[in-house]
Amino acid sequence: MNKFLQAAADVLETDSLSLDTPFREVEFWSSLMGFGLLVMLENDWGAPTGIERFLTLKTVRDLYREAFIAFAARLLNVERETMRGASYGSIPEWDSVNHLRLVMEAEQRFGVVYPMERIPQMKTIDDFLIP
């Protein structure tokens, strides 16, 4: 299972979670769970997120995107804000070699497997978030 989904499910105390789950609508949602998600993003995924930004996030996919952007920014050695609108080739750091590094290291970090035939079509951060 995707390590990020599992970590979010643990914080939200649920067995049933998908990327499209509105996390504030899980059973027994509380502000403590929100705090737990903020702590998880910062401590486990290296994606510190301010409360203002957190309030704009709606789904587990939004949380995952925050974690993935932080991961990609570290790997490519760019600012997180640079990665928000970036796509393959749109910034010098995201070249063909770093694209493959991004794929391989994302598979290890997030516990996902990208089919080989899909890798050349993965051009945006959101393309990496599709399970």
C-alpha atoms as a PDB file:
ATOM      1  CA  MET A   1       0.000   0.000   0.000  1.00  0.00           C
ATOM      2  CA  ASN A   2       1.045   3.591  -0.599  1.00  0.00           C
ATOM      3  CA  LYS A   3       2.963   4.639   2.527  1.00  0.00           C
ATOM      4  CA  PHE A   4       1.423   8.107   2.506  1.00  0.00           C
ATOM      5  CA  LEU A   5      -2.130   6.741   2.369  1.00  0.00           C
ATOM      6  CA  GLN A   6      -1.349   4.371   5.214  1.00  0.00           C
ATOM      7  CA  ALA A   7       0.113   7.162   7.351  1.00  0.00           C
ATOM      8  CA  ALA A   8      -2.923   9.388   6.698  1.00  0.00           C
ATOM      9  CA  ALA A   9      -5.294   6.504   7.468  1.00  0.00           C
ATOM     10  CA  ASP A  10      -3.484   5.941  10.766  1.00  0.00           C
ATOM     11  CA  VAL A  11      -3.856   9.597  11.755  1.00  0.00           C
ATOM     12  CA  LEU A  12      -7.520   9.611  10.698  1.00  0.00           C
ATOM     13  CA  GLU A  13      -8.128   6.301  12.483  1.00  0.00           C
ATOM     14  CA  THR A  14      -9.773   4.655   9.496  1.00  0.00           C
ATOM     15  CA  ASP A  15      -9.261   1.573   7.381  1.00  0.00           C
ATOM     16  CA  SER A  16     -10.999   3.006   4.335  1.00  0.00           C
ATOM     17  CA  LEU A  17      -9.197   5.872   2.675  1.00  0.00           C
ATOM     18  CA  SER A  18      -8.624   6.929  -0.923  1.00  0.00           C
ATOM     19  CA  LEU A  19      -6.938   9.909  -2.495  1.00  0.00           C
ATOM     20  CA  ASP A  20     -10.333  11.453  -3.149  1.00  0.00           C
ATOM     21  CA  THR A  21     -11.538  11.147   0.446  1.00  0.00           C
ATOM     22  CA  PRO A  22     -12.425  14.548   1.898  1.00  0.00           C
ATOM     23  CA  PHE A  23     -10.370  14.110   5.056  1.00  0.00           C
ATOM     24  CA  ARG A  24     -12.530  16.413   7.178  1.00  0.00           C
ATOM     25  CA  GLU A  25     -15.497  14.135   6.483  1.00  0.00           C
ATOM     26  CA  VAL A  26     -14.050  10.975   8.011  1.00  0.00           C
ATOM     27  CA  GLU A  27     -16.028   9.553  10.888  1.00  0.00           C
ATOM     28  CA  PHE A  28     -15.247  11.235  14.208  1.00  0.00           C
ATOM     29  CA  TRP A  29     -13.249  14.052  12.549  1.00  0.00           C
ATOM     30  CA  SER A  30     -11.739  16.386  15.113  1.00  0.00           C
ATOM     31  CA  SER A  31      -9.305  19.263  15.262  1.00  0.00           C
ATOM     32  CA  LEU A  32      -6.897  16.840  16.931  1.00  0.00           C
ATOM     33  CA  MET A  33      -6.857  14.810  13.708  1.00  0.00           C
ATOM     34  CA  GLY A  34      -6.162  18.012  11.776  1.00  0.00           C
ATOM     35  CA  PHE A  35      -3.247  18.722  14.076  1.00  0.00           C
ATOM     36  CA  GLY A  36      -2.074  15.137  13.584  1.00  0.00           C
ATOM     37  CA  LEU A  37      -2.104  15.611   9.804  1.00  0.00           C
ATOM     38  CA  LEU A  38      -0.060  18.809  10.124  1.00  0.00           C
ATOM     39  CA  VAL A  39       2.465  17.032  12.349  1.00  0.00           C
ATOM     40  CA  MET A  40       2.569  14.069   9.949  1.00  0.00           C
ATOM     41  CA  LEU A  41       3.224  16.353   6.969  1.00  0.00           C
ATOM     42  CA  GLU A  42       6.052  18.125   8.754  1.00  0.00           C
ATOM     43  CA  ASN A  43       7.737  15.326  10.690  1.00  0.00           C
ATOM     44  CA  ASP A  44       7.188  12.294   8.458  1.00  0.00           C
ATOM     45  CA  TRP A  45       7.123  13.869   5.000  1.00  0.00           C
ATOM     46  CA  GLY A  46       9.234  17.014   5.371  1.00  0.00           C
ATOM     47  CA  ALA A  47       6.359  19.207   4.245  1.00  0.00           C
ATOM     48  CA  PRO A  48       5.681  21.821   6.912  1.00  0.00           C
ATOM     49  CA  THR A  49       2.346  23.397   6.097  1.00  0.00           C
ATOM     50  CA  GLY A  50       0.971  26.555   7.630  1.00  0.00           C
ATOM     51  CA  ILE A  51      -2.553  26.602   9.000  1.00  0.00           C
ATOM     52  CA  GLU A  52      -3.703  29.000   6.266  1.00  0.00           C
ATOM     53  CA  ARG A  53      -2.501  26.604   3.576  1.00  0.00           C
ATOM     54  CA  PHE A  54      -3.913  23.598   5.459  1.00  0.00           C
ATOM     55  CA  LEU A  55      -7.358  25.196   5.514  1.00  0.00           C
ATOM     56  CA  THR A  56      -7.356  25.270   1.689  1.00  0.00           C
ATOM     57  CA  LEU A  57      -6.675  21.525   1.443  1.00  0.00           C
ATOM     58  CA  LYS A  58      -9.775  19.371   1.033  1.00  0.00           C
ATOM     59  CA  THR A  59      -8.871  15.804   0.108  1.00  0.00           C
ATOM     60  CA  VAL A  60      -6.203  13.261   0.946  1.00  0.00           C
ATOM     61  CA  ARG A  61      -4.859  13.904  -2.579  1.00  0.00           C
ATOM     62  CA  ASP A  62      -4.258  17.546  -1.571  1.00  0.00           C
ATOM     63  CA  LEU A  63      -2.269  16.376   1.465  1.00  0.00           C
ATOM     64  CA  TYR A  64      -0.338  13.898  -0.681  1.00  0.00           C
ATOM     65  CA  ARG A  65       0.423  16.652  -3.197  1.00  0.00           C
ATOM     66  CA  GLU A  66       1.933  18.763  -0.382  1.00  0.00           C
ATOM     67  CA  ALA A  67       4.151  15.862   0.684  1.00  0.00           C
ATOM     68  CA  PHE A  68       5.148  15.061  -2.893  1.00  0.00           C
ATOM     69  CA  ILE A  69       5.971  18.663  -3.746  1.00  0.00           C
ATOM     70  CA  ALA A  70       8.241  18.894  -0.699  1.00  0.00           C
ATOM     71  CA  PHE A  71       9.899  15.599  -1.669  1.00  0.00           C
ATOM     72  CA  ALA A  72      10.417  16.669  -5.313  1.00  0.00           C
ATOM     73  CA  ALA A  73      11.723  20.095  -4.304  1.00  0.00           C
ATOM     74  CA  ARG A  74      14.335  18.494  -2.039  1.00  0.00           C
ATOM     75  CA  LEU A  75      15.339  15.993  -4.705  1.00  0.00           C
ATOM     76  CA  LEU A  76      15.657  18.664  -7.403  1.00  0.00           C
ATOM     77  CA  ASN A  77      17.137  21.206  -4.988  1.00  0.00           C
ATOM     78  CA  VAL A  78      14.567  23.920  -5.735  1.00  0.00           C
ATOM     79  CA  GLU A  79      12.119  25.887  -3.626  1.00  0.00           C
ATOM     80  CA  ARG A  80       8.778  24.227  -2.877  1.00  0.00           C
ATOM     81  CA  GLU A  81       6.934  27.100  -4.547  1.00  0.00           C
ATOM     82  CA  THR A  82       8.908  26.435  -7.741  1.00  0.00           C
ATOM     83  CA  MET A  83       7.492  22.898  -7.821  1.00  0.00           C
ATOM     84  CA  ARG A  84       3.828  23.917  -7.414  1.00  0.00           C
ATOM     85  CA  GLY A  85       3.365  24.773 -11.080  1.00  0.00           C
ATOM     86  CA  ALA A  86       6.337  22.917 -12.513  1.00  0.00           C
ATOM     87  CA  SER A  87       6.214  20.157 -15.056  1.00  0.00           C
ATOM     88  CA  TYR A  88       8.835  17.962 -16.676  1.00  0.00           C
ATOM     89  CA  GLY A  89      11.204  20.221 -18.608  1.00  0.00           C
ATOM     90  CA  SER A  90       9.644  23.462 -17.356  1.00  0.00           C
ATOM     91  CA  ILE A  91      12.530  24.059 -14.971  1.00  0.00           C
ATOM     92  CA  PRO A  92      16.156  23.184 -15.747  1.00  0.00           C
ATOM     93  CA  GLU A  93      16.439  20.909 -12.716  1.00  0.00           C
ATOM     94  CA  TRP A  94      13.654  18.602 -13.951  1.00  0.00           C
ATOM     95  CA  ASP A  95      15.557  17.051 -16.832  1.00  0.00           C
ATOM     96  CA  SER A  96      15.514  13.454 -18.073  1.00  0.00           C
ATOM     97  CA  VAL A  97      18.027  12.171 -15.516  1.00  0.00           C
ATOM     98  CA  ASN A  98      16.263  13.813 -12.591  1.00  0.00           C
ATOM     99  CA  HIS A  99      12.932  12.605 -13.956  1.00  0.00           C
ATOM    100  CA  LEU A 100      14.143   9.032 -13.570  1.00  0.00           C
ATOM    101  CA  ARG A 101      15.558   9.835 -10.116  1.00  0.00           C
ATOM    102  CA  LEU A 102      12.195  11.299  -9.164  1.00  0.00           C
ATOM    103  CA  VAL A 103      10.415   8.127 -10.293  1.00  0.00           C
ATOM    104  CA  MET A 104      12.799   5.727  -8.573  1.00  0.00           C
ATOM    105  CA  GLU A 105      13.069   7.636  -5.323  1.00  0.00           C
ATOM    106  CA  ALA A 106       9.309   8.279  -5.193  1.00  0.00           C
ATOM    107  CA  GLU A 107       8.696   4.557  -5.544  1.00  0.00           C
ATOM    108  CA  GLN A 108      10.945   3.917  -2.583  1.00  0.00           C
ATOM    109  CA  ARG A 109       9.790   6.843  -0.420  1.00  0.00           C
ATOM    110  CA  PHE A 110       6.045   6.490  -1.018  1.00  0.00           C
ATOM    111  CA  GLY A 111       5.869   2.738  -1.572  1.00  0.00           C
ATOM    112  CA  VAL A 112       4.315   3.028  -5.012  1.00  0.00           C
ATOM    113  CA  VAL A 113       5.124   1.334  -8.305  1.00  0.00           C
ATOM    114  CA  TYR A 114       4.847   3.210 -11.575  1.00  0.00           C
ATOM    115  CA  PRO A 115       4.359   1.002 -14.638  1.00  0.00           C
ATOM    116  CA  MET A 116       7.329   1.389 -16.982  1.00  0.00           C
ATOM    117  CA  GLU A 117       5.103   2.343 -19.926  1.00  0.00           C
ATOM    118  CA  ARG A 118       3.571   5.201 -17.925  1.00  0.00           C
ATOM    119  CA  ILE A 119       6.836   6.858 -16.882  1.00  0.00           C
ATOM    120  CA  PRO A 120       7.412   8.817 -20.132  1.00  0.00           C
ATOM    121  CA  GLN A 121       3.895  10.299 -19.872  1.00  0.00           C
ATOM    122  CA  MET A 122       4.380  11.485 -16.280  1.00  0.00           C
ATOM    123  CA  LYS A 123       4.879  15.213 -16.806  1.00  0.00           C
ATOM    124  CA  THR A 124       3.309  16.896 -13.740  1.00  0.00           C
ATOM    125  CA  ILE A 125       3.276  16.399 -10.000  1.00  0.00           C
ATOM    126  CA  ASP A 126      -0.318  15.191 -10.248  1.00  0.00           C
ATOM    127  CA  ASP A 127       0.776  12.464 -12.680  1.00  0.00           C
ATOM    128  CA  PHE A 128       2.856  11.035  -9.832  1.00  0.00           C
ATOM    129  CA  LEU A 129      -0.137  10.992  -7.495  1.00  0.00           C
ATOM    130  CA  ILE A 130      -2.211   8.555  -9.519  1.00  0.00           C
ATOM    131  CA  PRO A 131      -2.022   5.179  -7.774  1.00  0.00           C
END
